[in-house]
Amino acid sequence: MSNTTTVVNIPLNEILFDDDLNEGRGKIAPIYVAQLMNDIQEHGLIQPVILSNLTLNEQAETGKVYRLVAGYRRGYSFMFLGKPTIPAII
């Protein structure tokens, strides 16, 4: 058994940003990701986001494939930077 974690680049438009799952923080305003955006532009993304697969019913309802589980500020940073994909662990 291998303990290898695979990081893949996932299109942001396939990810559901479910603000209700964001540790009770709710929707994140751009001001709260400004510093992280600068860090990502300077150093790149250090830690990938964590995603889970949506069920087929959820996919049909949302038009998305994955749900963002961890890394909301990182996800929003990539979105605000206009990046098409984000490194992720599923």
N, C-alpha and C. Protein backbone atom coordinates (compact mmCIF):
# COMPACT_ATOMS: atom_id res chain seq x y z
N MET A 1 0.85 -1.18 0.00
CA MET A 1 0.00 0.00 0.00
C MET A 1 0.89 1.23 0.00
N SER A 2 0.58 2.16 -0.88
CA SER A 2 1.36 3.37 -1.03
C SER A 2 0.68 4.54 -0.33
N ASN A 3 1.46 5.39 0.28
CA ASN A 3 0.94 6.60 0.93
C ASN A 3 1.16 7.82 0.06
N THR A 4 1.26 7.63 -1.23
CA THR A 4 1.49 8.71 -2.16
C THR A 4 0.21 9.52 -2.38
N THR A 5 0.35 10.82 -2.31
CA THR A 5 -0.76 11.71 -2.58
C THR A 5 -0.56 12.31 -3.96
N THR A 6 -1.57 12.24 -4.79
CA THR A 6 -1.48 12.78 -6.13
C THR A 6 -2.14 14.16 -6.18
N VAL A 7 -1.40 15.11 -6.70
CA VAL A 7 -1.92 16.45 -6.89
C VAL A 7 -2.21 16.63 -8.37
N VAL A 8 -3.42 17.06 -8.69
CA VAL A 8 -3.82 17.27 -10.08
C VAL A 8 -4.34 18.69 -10.25
N ASN A 9 -4.19 19.22 -11.45
CA ASN A 9 -4.73 20.55 -11.75
C ASN A 9 -6.18 20.40 -12.19
N ILE A 10 -7.07 21.05 -11.45
CA ILE A 10 -8.51 20.96 -11.71
C ILE A 10 -9.02 22.32 -12.19
N PRO A 11 -9.82 22.35 -13.26
CA PRO A 11 -10.41 23.61 -13.69
C PRO A 11 -11.29 24.21 -12.59
N LEU A 12 -11.11 25.48 -12.32
CA LEU A 12 -11.88 26.15 -11.27
C LEU A 12 -13.38 26.11 -11.57
N ASN A 13 -13.74 26.09 -12.85
CA ASN A 13 -15.17 26.10 -13.18
C ASN A 13 -15.84 24.75 -12.92
N GLU A 14 -15.07 23.74 -12.51
CA GLU A 14 -15.63 22.44 -12.13
C GLU A 14 -15.80 22.29 -10.62
N ILE A 15 -15.44 23.35 -9.87
CA ILE A 15 -15.43 23.27 -8.41
C ILE A 15 -16.57 24.07 -7.81
N LEU A 16 -17.33 23.43 -6.93
CA LEU A 16 -18.39 24.10 -6.18
C LEU A 16 -17.76 24.69 -4.91
N PHE A 17 -17.84 26.00 -4.80
CA PHE A 17 -17.39 26.71 -3.60
C PHE A 17 -18.61 26.81 -2.69
N ASP A 18 -18.79 25.82 -1.85
CA ASP A 18 -19.95 25.73 -0.96
C ASP A 18 -19.64 26.50 0.32
N ASP A 19 -20.07 27.76 0.35
CA ASP A 19 -19.74 28.64 1.47
C ASP A 19 -20.26 28.12 2.80
N ASP A 20 -21.30 27.29 2.79
CA ASP A 20 -21.82 26.72 4.03
C ASP A 20 -20.82 25.75 4.67
N LEU A 21 -19.93 25.19 3.87
CA LEU A 21 -18.93 24.26 4.40
C LEU A 21 -17.65 24.96 4.81
N ASN A 22 -17.58 26.24 4.63
CA ASN A 22 -16.35 26.99 4.91
C ASN A 22 -16.19 27.26 6.40
N GLU A 23 -16.19 26.21 7.19
CA GLU A 23 -15.93 26.29 8.62
C GLU A 23 -16.73 27.39 9.31
N GLY A 24 -17.95 27.62 8.85
CA GLY A 24 -18.79 28.63 9.47
C GLY A 24 -18.41 30.06 9.14
N ARG A 25 -17.42 30.24 8.27
CA ARG A 25 -16.96 31.59 7.94
C ARG A 25 -17.84 32.26 6.90
N GLY A 26 -18.54 31.47 6.11
CA GLY A 26 -19.38 32.04 5.06
C GLY A 26 -18.55 32.52 3.88
N LYS A 27 -19.16 33.36 3.05
CA LYS A 27 -18.51 33.86 1.84
C LYS A 27 -17.30 34.72 2.19
N ILE A 28 -16.23 34.55 1.44
CA ILE A 28 -14.99 35.27 1.70
C ILE A 28 -14.92 36.49 0.79
N ALA A 29 -14.70 37.65 1.39
CA ALA A 29 -14.56 38.90 0.63
C ALA A 29 -13.16 38.98 0.04
N PRO A 30 -13.01 39.62 -1.13
CA PRO A 30 -11.69 39.74 -1.77
C PRO A 30 -10.62 40.36 -0.86
N ILE A 31 -11.00 41.26 0.00
CA ILE A 31 -10.02 41.91 0.87
C ILE A 31 -9.28 40.89 1.73
N TYR A 32 -9.94 39.80 2.09
CA TYR A 32 -9.34 38.80 2.96
C TYR A 32 -8.38 37.87 2.25
N VAL A 33 -8.32 37.96 0.94
CA VAL A 33 -7.40 37.11 0.20
C VAL A 33 -6.30 37.91 -0.50
N ALA A 34 -6.31 39.23 -0.34
CA ALA A 34 -5.35 40.09 -1.05
C ALA A 34 -3.90 39.70 -0.76
N GLN A 35 -3.54 39.51 0.50
CA GLN A 35 -2.17 39.16 0.84
C GLN A 35 -1.82 37.78 0.29
N LEU A 36 -2.74 36.84 0.42
CA LEU A 36 -2.49 35.51 -0.11
C LEU A 36 -2.32 35.54 -1.63
N MET A 37 -3.10 36.36 -2.31
CA MET A 37 -2.96 36.50 -3.76
C MET A 37 -1.55 36.97 -4.11
N ASN A 38 -1.04 37.95 -3.37
CA ASN A 38 0.31 38.45 -3.61
C ASN A 38 1.34 37.35 -3.38
N ASP A 39 1.17 36.58 -2.31
CA ASP A 39 2.09 35.49 -2.01
C ASP A 39 2.07 34.43 -3.11
N ILE A 40 0.88 34.12 -3.60
CA ILE A 40 0.76 33.12 -4.67
C ILE A 40 1.43 33.62 -5.94
N GLN A 41 1.25 34.90 -6.25
CA GLN A 41 1.89 35.45 -7.44
C GLN A 41 3.41 35.41 -7.32
N GLU A 42 3.92 35.65 -6.11
CA GLU A 42 5.37 35.70 -5.90
C GLU A 42 5.99 34.31 -5.76
N HIS A 43 5.35 33.41 -5.02
CA HIS A 43 5.94 32.13 -4.69
C HIS A 43 5.23 30.92 -5.28
N GLY A 44 4.04 31.10 -5.82
CA GLY A 44 3.24 29.98 -6.28
C GLY A 44 2.44 29.40 -5.13
N LEU A 45 1.64 28.41 -5.42
CA LEU A 45 0.82 27.77 -4.39
C LEU A 45 1.65 26.72 -3.67
N ILE A 46 1.73 26.83 -2.36
CA ILE A 46 2.55 25.92 -1.57
C ILE A 46 1.79 24.66 -1.20
N GLN A 47 0.51 24.79 -0.90
CA GLN A 47 -0.30 23.64 -0.48
C GLN A 47 -1.55 23.57 -1.36
N PRO A 48 -1.82 22.41 -1.98
CA PRO A 48 -3.01 22.29 -2.84
C PRO A 48 -4.29 22.34 -2.01
N VAL A 49 -5.39 22.63 -2.68
CA VAL A 49 -6.70 22.58 -2.03
C VAL A 49 -7.15 21.13 -1.97
N ILE A 50 -8.16 20.88 -1.14
CA ILE A 50 -8.72 19.55 -1.00
C ILE A 50 -10.14 19.56 -1.56
N LEU A 51 -10.44 18.60 -2.42
CA LEU A 51 -11.74 18.50 -3.06
C LEU A 51 -12.37 17.14 -2.76
N SER A 52 -13.69 17.09 -2.86
CA SER A 52 -14.39 15.81 -2.84
C SER A 52 -15.26 15.75 -4.09
N ASN A 53 -15.54 14.54 -4.54
CA ASN A 53 -16.40 14.36 -5.70
C ASN A 53 -17.85 14.62 -5.31
N LEU A 54 -18.58 15.30 -6.16
CA LEU A 54 -20.01 15.46 -5.96
C LEU A 54 -20.72 14.20 -6.46
N THR A 55 -21.87 13.92 -5.89
CA THR A 55 -22.67 12.81 -6.39
C THR A 55 -23.20 13.19 -7.78
N LEU A 56 -23.69 12.20 -8.51
CA LEU A 56 -24.25 12.49 -9.84
C LEU A 56 -25.43 13.45 -9.74
N ASN A 57 -26.26 13.30 -8.72
CA ASN A 57 -27.38 14.23 -8.53
C ASN A 57 -26.88 15.65 -8.26
N GLU A 58 -25.85 15.78 -7.41
CA GLU A 58 -25.29 17.11 -7.12
C GLU A 58 -24.66 17.72 -8.37
N GLN A 59 -24.02 16.88 -9.17
CA GLN A 59 -23.43 17.36 -10.42
C GLN A 59 -24.52 17.89 -11.35
N ALA A 60 -25.62 17.16 -11.44
CA ALA A 60 -26.73 17.59 -12.30
C ALA A 60 -27.33 18.90 -11.80
N GLU A 61 -27.43 19.06 -10.49
CA GLU A 61 -28.02 20.28 -9.91
C GLU A 61 -27.12 21.49 -10.03
N THR A 62 -25.80 21.29 -9.86
CA THR A 62 -24.87 22.42 -9.79
C THR A 62 -24.09 22.67 -11.06
N GLY A 63 -23.96 21.64 -11.90
CA GLY A 63 -23.10 21.77 -13.07
C GLY A 63 -21.62 21.68 -12.73
N LYS A 64 -21.32 21.29 -11.49
CA LYS A 64 -19.94 21.16 -11.02
C LYS A 64 -19.61 19.68 -10.80
N VAL A 65 -18.32 19.37 -10.68
CA VAL A 65 -17.88 17.99 -10.51
C VAL A 65 -17.37 17.75 -9.08
N TYR A 66 -16.77 18.79 -8.49
CA TYR A 66 -16.11 18.66 -7.20
C TYR A 66 -16.65 19.71 -6.22
N ARG A 67 -16.49 19.42 -4.93
CA ARG A 67 -16.80 20.38 -3.86
C ARG A 67 -15.49 20.74 -3.17
N LEU A 68 -15.26 22.03 -2.96
CA LEU A 68 -14.09 22.48 -2.23
C LEU A 68 -14.29 22.17 -0.75
N VAL A 69 -13.38 21.39 -0.18
CA VAL A 69 -13.48 20.98 1.22
C VAL A 69 -12.54 21.80 2.09
N ALA A 70 -11.35 22.05 1.61
CA ALA A 70 -10.36 22.82 2.37
C ALA A 70 -9.55 23.67 1.41
N GLY A 71 -9.32 24.92 1.82
CA GLY A 71 -8.52 25.83 0.99
C GLY A 71 -9.34 26.91 0.33
N TYR A 72 -10.34 27.41 1.03
CA TYR A 72 -11.22 28.43 0.44
C TYR A 72 -10.46 29.69 0.03
N ARG A 73 -9.61 30.19 0.90
CA ARG A 73 -8.87 31.41 0.54
C ARG A 73 -7.96 31.15 -0.65
N ARG A 74 -7.34 29.97 -0.69
CA ARG A 74 -6.50 29.62 -1.83
C ARG A 74 -7.33 29.53 -3.11
N GLY A 75 -8.49 28.90 -3.01
CA GLY A 75 -9.38 28.78 -4.17
C GLY A 75 -9.85 30.12 -4.67
N TYR A 76 -10.30 30.98 -3.76
CA TYR A 76 -10.73 32.31 -4.16
C TYR A 76 -9.57 33.14 -4.69
N SER A 77 -8.38 32.96 -4.14
CA SER A 77 -7.22 33.68 -4.65
C SER A 77 -6.97 33.33 -6.11
N PHE A 78 -7.01 32.04 -6.41
CA PHE A 78 -6.81 31.62 -7.80
C PHE A 78 -7.93 32.18 -8.68
N MET A 79 -9.15 32.18 -8.19
CA MET A 79 -10.27 32.70 -8.96
C MET A 79 -10.08 34.19 -9.24
N PHE A 80 -9.75 34.96 -8.21
CA PHE A 80 -9.57 36.41 -8.37
C PHE A 80 -8.36 36.74 -9.25
N LEU A 81 -7.36 35.86 -9.25
CA LEU A 81 -6.19 36.05 -10.11
C LEU A 81 -6.47 35.66 -11.56
N GLY A 82 -7.64 35.07 -11.80
CA GLY A 82 -8.01 34.68 -13.16
C GLY A 82 -7.32 33.41 -13.64
N LYS A 83 -6.87 32.59 -12.71
CA LYS A 83 -6.21 31.34 -13.10
C LYS A 83 -7.29 30.32 -13.49
N PRO A 84 -7.06 29.56 -14.55
CA PRO A 84 -8.07 28.61 -15.01
C PRO A 84 -8.13 27.32 -14.20
N THR A 85 -7.00 26.92 -13.60
CA THR A 85 -6.95 25.68 -12.84
C THR A 85 -6.27 25.91 -11.50
N ILE A 86 -6.44 24.93 -10.59
CA ILE A 86 -5.79 24.99 -9.28
C ILE A 86 -5.28 23.59 -8.92
N PRO A 87 -4.09 23.51 -8.33
CA PRO A 87 -3.61 22.22 -7.84
C PRO A 87 -4.50 21.71 -6.72
N ALA A 88 -4.88 20.44 -6.80
CA ALA A 88 -5.83 19.90 -5.83
C ALA A 88 -5.54 18.43 -5.54
N ILE A 89 -5.97 18.04 -4.35
CA ILE A 89 -6.00 16.63 -3.95
C ILE A 89 -7.46 16.26 -3.86
N ILE A 90 -7.84 15.16 -4.50
CA ILE A 90 -9.25 14.74 -4.50
C ILE A 90 -9.40 13.55 -3.58
